[in-house]
């Protein structure tokens, strides 16, 4: 009520709620139109290209590796949660895990990253997600001795954790082995594709000063 009068006339609530929904969802970035081609991704998402080049130079991790991992984990959806469980098959009952965002990083892993790097970030931010994955990849090289360019084995460690990878828990999961092979294959395709468009994607003018 406002001065004795309702703020919205009768029947206006559905329309108002629709406007609110559009405002909230309109801020969520859309995934790339052609996620199987890294050149098409970077042509459509120029800020992603800049972020990927920056983080490749800073971390030494080839950009095709985190891009292949993000493709597998979230399909480049920024606000993706893991599948929701249901109570009595009807009532939503939370998420299976706390995995969230582009990298599908769980709360604990994300907190470990923020502490280790003395930083803060968002799993809904593309460059923050690249930073997280590249940190995880370089730690996997240090702990498990997996080369940063080996996307298949890196994904196994990403999924199972460093301890799980060391114990070989993935060997009992044939489905995970298949997924890891897919990630490795996609990373290889991304690498070949990027070699074809690297020069054409290079920035000139103002943005070139950033790289």
Protein backbone atom coordinates (compact mmCIF):
# COMPACT_ATOMS: atom_id res chain seq x y z
CA UNK A 1 0.00 0.00 0.00
CA UNK A 2 1.08 3.61 -0.64
CA UNK A 3 -1.02 6.47 0.83
CA UNK A 4 -3.87 4.00 1.23
CA UNK A 5 -3.66 2.84 -2.42
CA UNK A 6 -2.20 -0.42 -3.71
CA UNK A 7 1.18 -0.03 -5.44
CA UNK A 8 0.01 -2.24 -8.31
CA UNK A 9 -3.45 -2.44 -9.81
CA UNK A 10 -5.27 -5.73 -9.71
CA UNK A 11 -3.88 -8.19 -12.24
CA UNK A 12 -0.60 -6.34 -12.68
CA UNK A 13 1.55 -8.68 -10.56
CA UNK A 14 2.15 -11.31 -13.27
CA UNK A 15 3.39 -8.64 -15.68
CA UNK A 16 5.59 -7.07 -13.02
CA UNK A 17 7.06 -10.41 -12.05
CA UNK A 18 7.77 -11.07 -15.71
CA UNK A 19 9.69 -7.80 -15.98
CA UNK A 20 11.72 -8.66 -12.88
CA UNK A 21 12.51 -12.10 -14.32
CA UNK A 22 13.70 -10.58 -17.59
CA UNK A 23 15.87 -8.08 -15.74
CA UNK A 24 17.47 -10.81 -13.64
CA UNK A 25 18.04 -13.28 -16.47
CA UNK A 26 19.09 -10.62 -18.98
CA UNK A 27 22.39 -10.19 -17.15
CA UNK A 28 23.38 -13.83 -17.60
CA UNK A 29 25.77 -14.10 -20.58
CA UNK A 30 24.76 -16.57 -23.25
CA UNK A 31 27.04 -19.46 -24.19
CA UNK A 32 28.81 -19.23 -27.57
CA UNK A 33 26.80 -20.19 -30.63
CA UNK A 34 29.44 -22.62 -31.95
CA UNK A 35 31.16 -24.19 -28.92
CA UNK A 36 32.94 -26.88 -30.95
CA UNK A 37 35.12 -24.34 -32.76
CA UNK A 38 37.46 -22.23 -30.66
CA UNK A 39 37.95 -19.71 -33.48
CA UNK A 40 34.19 -19.13 -33.67
CA UNK A 41 34.04 -18.83 -29.87
CA UNK A 42 36.73 -16.16 -29.75
CA UNK A 43 35.32 -14.25 -32.73
CA UNK A 44 31.94 -14.10 -30.99
CA UNK A 45 33.35 -13.51 -27.47
CA UNK A 46 36.24 -11.09 -27.93
CA UNK A 47 36.58 -10.53 -24.18
CA UNK A 48 37.04 -14.29 -23.75
CA UNK A 49 39.84 -14.24 -26.30
CA UNK A 50 41.61 -11.44 -24.42
CA UNK A 51 41.15 -13.25 -21.11
CA UNK A 52 42.41 -16.56 -22.52
CA UNK A 53 45.53 -14.96 -24.02
CA UNK A 54 46.28 -13.11 -20.77
CA UNK A 55 45.91 -16.22 -18.63
CA UNK A 56 47.89 -18.42 -21.00
CA UNK A 57 50.81 -16.00 -20.76
CA UNK A 58 50.56 -15.71 -16.98
CA UNK A 59 50.16 -19.41 -16.19
CA UNK A 60 51.96 -21.16 -19.02
CA UNK A 61 48.93 -23.42 -19.51
CA UNK A 62 47.90 -23.71 -23.19
CA UNK A 63 44.51 -22.03 -23.52
CA UNK A 64 42.99 -25.01 -25.33
CA UNK A 65 43.20 -27.05 -22.09
CA UNK A 66 41.02 -24.89 -19.79
CA UNK A 67 38.66 -24.18 -22.69
CA UNK A 68 38.13 -27.92 -23.23
CA UNK A 69 37.56 -28.43 -19.51
CA UNK A 70 34.99 -25.61 -19.34
CA UNK A 71 33.21 -27.04 -22.39
CA UNK A 72 32.91 -30.38 -20.63
CA UNK A 73 31.98 -29.05 -17.20
CA UNK A 74 29.42 -26.38 -17.98
CA UNK A 75 29.01 -26.08 -21.75
CA UNK A 76 30.10 -22.43 -21.25
CA UNK A 77 27.03 -21.64 -19.09
CA UNK A 78 28.03 -19.16 -16.41
CA UNK A 79 25.45 -19.94 -13.72
CA UNK A 80 25.09 -23.68 -14.11
CA UNK A 81 24.43 -25.78 -11.00
CA UNK A 82 24.75 -29.55 -10.92
CA UNK A 83 21.55 -31.53 -11.39
CA UNK A 84 18.92 -30.95 -8.72
CA UNK A 85 17.74 -33.85 -6.56
CA UNK A 86 14.10 -34.34 -5.58
CA UNK A 87 12.36 -35.54 -2.42
CA UNK A 88 9.57 -38.02 -3.19
CA UNK A 89 10.27 -37.37 -6.88
CA UNK A 90 8.43 -34.03 -6.69
CA UNK A 91 9.89 -31.61 -4.14
CA UNK A 92 13.22 -29.95 -5.09
CA UNK A 93 15.81 -30.93 -2.49
CA UNK A 94 18.98 -28.95 -3.14
CA UNK A 95 21.85 -29.68 -5.50
CA UNK A 96 23.88 -32.87 -5.62
CA UNK A 97 27.09 -30.92 -4.99
CA UNK A 98 28.15 -27.32 -4.59
CA UNK A 99 29.73 -27.38 -8.08
CA UNK A 100 28.85 -24.15 -9.81
CA UNK A 101 29.62 -21.80 -12.67
CA UNK A 102 31.84 -22.09 -15.72
CA UNK A 103 34.38 -24.43 -14.06
CA UNK A 104 31.83 -26.37 -11.97
CA UNK A 105 34.18 -25.85 -9.03
CA UNK A 106 32.93 -26.96 -5.64
CA UNK A 107 32.93 -24.59 -2.69
CA UNK A 108 35.89 -26.26 -0.99
CA UNK A 109 38.11 -26.26 -4.07
CA UNK A 110 37.24 -22.65 -4.85
CA UNK A 111 38.03 -21.62 -1.27
CA UNK A 112 41.38 -23.46 -1.46
CA UNK A 113 42.20 -21.55 -4.65
CA UNK A 114 41.29 -18.19 -3.13
CA UNK A 115 43.45 -18.89 -0.07
CA UNK A 116 46.38 -20.16 -2.13
CA UNK A 117 46.35 -17.18 -4.47
CA UNK A 118 45.23 -14.64 -1.84
CA UNK A 119 42.46 -13.49 -4.13
CA UNK A 120 38.71 -13.57 -4.56
CA UNK A 121 36.60 -14.14 -7.61
CA UNK A 122 33.39 -15.46 -9.07
CA UNK A 123 32.69 -18.79 -10.72
CA UNK A 124 30.28 -16.89 -12.98
CA UNK A 125 33.15 -14.75 -14.31
CA UNK A 126 34.91 -16.27 -17.31
CA UNK A 127 38.41 -14.98 -16.58
CA UNK A 128 38.17 -15.87 -12.88
CA UNK A 129 37.21 -19.38 -13.97
CA UNK A 130 40.22 -19.59 -16.28
CA UNK A 131 42.46 -18.50 -13.41
CA UNK A 132 41.02 -21.22 -11.19
CA UNK A 133 41.42 -23.99 -13.77
CA UNK A 134 44.96 -22.91 -14.67
CA UNK A 135 45.87 -22.89 -10.97
CA UNK A 136 44.44 -26.39 -10.60
CA UNK A 137 46.26 -27.59 -13.73
CA UNK A 138 49.62 -26.24 -12.55
CA UNK A 139 49.09 -27.78 -9.11
CA UNK A 140 48.29 -31.10 -10.79
CA UNK A 141 51.61 -30.87 -12.60
CA UNK A 142 53.37 -30.21 -9.29
CA UNK A 143 51.56 -32.86 -7.25
CA UNK A 144 50.76 -35.57 -9.79
CA UNK A 145 53.43 -34.81 -12.41
CA UNK A 146 50.89 -34.48 -15.23
CA UNK A 147 52.03 -32.13 -18.03
CA UNK A 148 49.88 -29.03 -18.38
CA UNK A 149 49.19 -29.83 -22.05
CA UNK A 150 47.86 -33.35 -21.31
CA UNK A 151 44.16 -32.46 -21.17
CA UNK A 152 42.98 -36.06 -20.77
CA UNK A 153 44.98 -36.80 -17.63
CA UNK A 154 44.50 -33.27 -16.34
CA UNK A 155 40.74 -33.76 -16.55
CA UNK A 156 40.95 -37.03 -14.62
CA UNK A 157 42.78 -35.19 -11.80
CA UNK A 158 40.33 -32.28 -12.07
CA UNK A 159 37.41 -34.64 -11.59
CA UNK A 160 38.87 -37.01 -9.00
CA UNK A 161 41.07 -34.60 -7.06
CA UNK A 162 44.82 -34.93 -6.59
CA UNK A 163 44.52 -37.71 -4.02
CA UNK A 164 41.99 -39.63 -6.08
CA UNK A 165 44.14 -39.36 -9.18
CA UNK A 166 47.16 -40.63 -7.27
CA UNK A 167 45.15 -43.62 -6.03
CA UNK A 168 43.84 -44.29 -9.54
CA UNK A 169 40.15 -44.08 -8.57
CA UNK A 170 39.31 -43.17 -12.17
CA UNK A 171 40.32 -46.66 -13.32
CA UNK A 172 37.11 -48.05 -11.81
CA UNK A 173 34.99 -45.54 -13.73
CA UNK A 174 34.79 -46.47 -17.40
CA UNK A 175 32.39 -43.60 -18.08
CA UNK A 176 34.90 -41.10 -16.68
CA UNK A 177 37.68 -42.56 -18.81
CA UNK A 178 35.47 -41.99 -21.88
CA UNK A 179 34.71 -38.42 -20.84
CA UNK A 180 38.41 -37.72 -20.25
CA UNK A 181 39.23 -39.03 -23.74
CA UNK A 182 36.59 -36.68 -25.13
CA UNK A 183 38.15 -33.74 -23.27
CA UNK A 184 41.57 -34.70 -24.61
CA UNK A 185 40.22 -34.95 -28.14
CA UNK A 186 38.44 -31.61 -27.88
CA UNK A 187 41.56 -29.92 -26.51
CA UNK A 188 43.54 -31.29 -29.48
CA UNK A 189 40.91 -29.96 -31.92
CA UNK A 190 40.89 -26.59 -30.19
CA UNK A 191 44.69 -26.47 -30.49
CA UNK A 192 44.58 -27.21 -34.23
CA UNK A 193 41.75 -24.74 -34.81
CA UNK A 194 43.46 -21.97 -32.86
CA UNK A 195 46.65 -22.44 -34.88
CA UNK A 196 44.58 -21.60 -37.97
CA UNK A 197 43.08 -18.38 -36.59
CA UNK A 198 45.65 -17.13 -34.06
CA UNK A 199 47.00 -14.45 -36.39
CA UNK A 200 43.60 -13.23 -37.56
CA UNK A 201 42.40 -12.91 -33.96
CA UNK A 202 45.32 -10.76 -32.84
CA UNK A 203 44.30 -7.39 -31.47
CA UNK A 204 45.52 -4.14 -32.93
CA UNK A 205 45.40 -0.63 -31.58
CA UNK A 206 44.39 -0.04 -27.96
CA UNK A 207 43.88 -3.71 -26.98
CA UNK A 208 47.27 -4.75 -28.34
CA UNK A 209 48.91 -2.92 -25.42
CA UNK A 210 47.41 -5.49 -23.04
CA UNK A 211 49.26 -8.46 -24.52
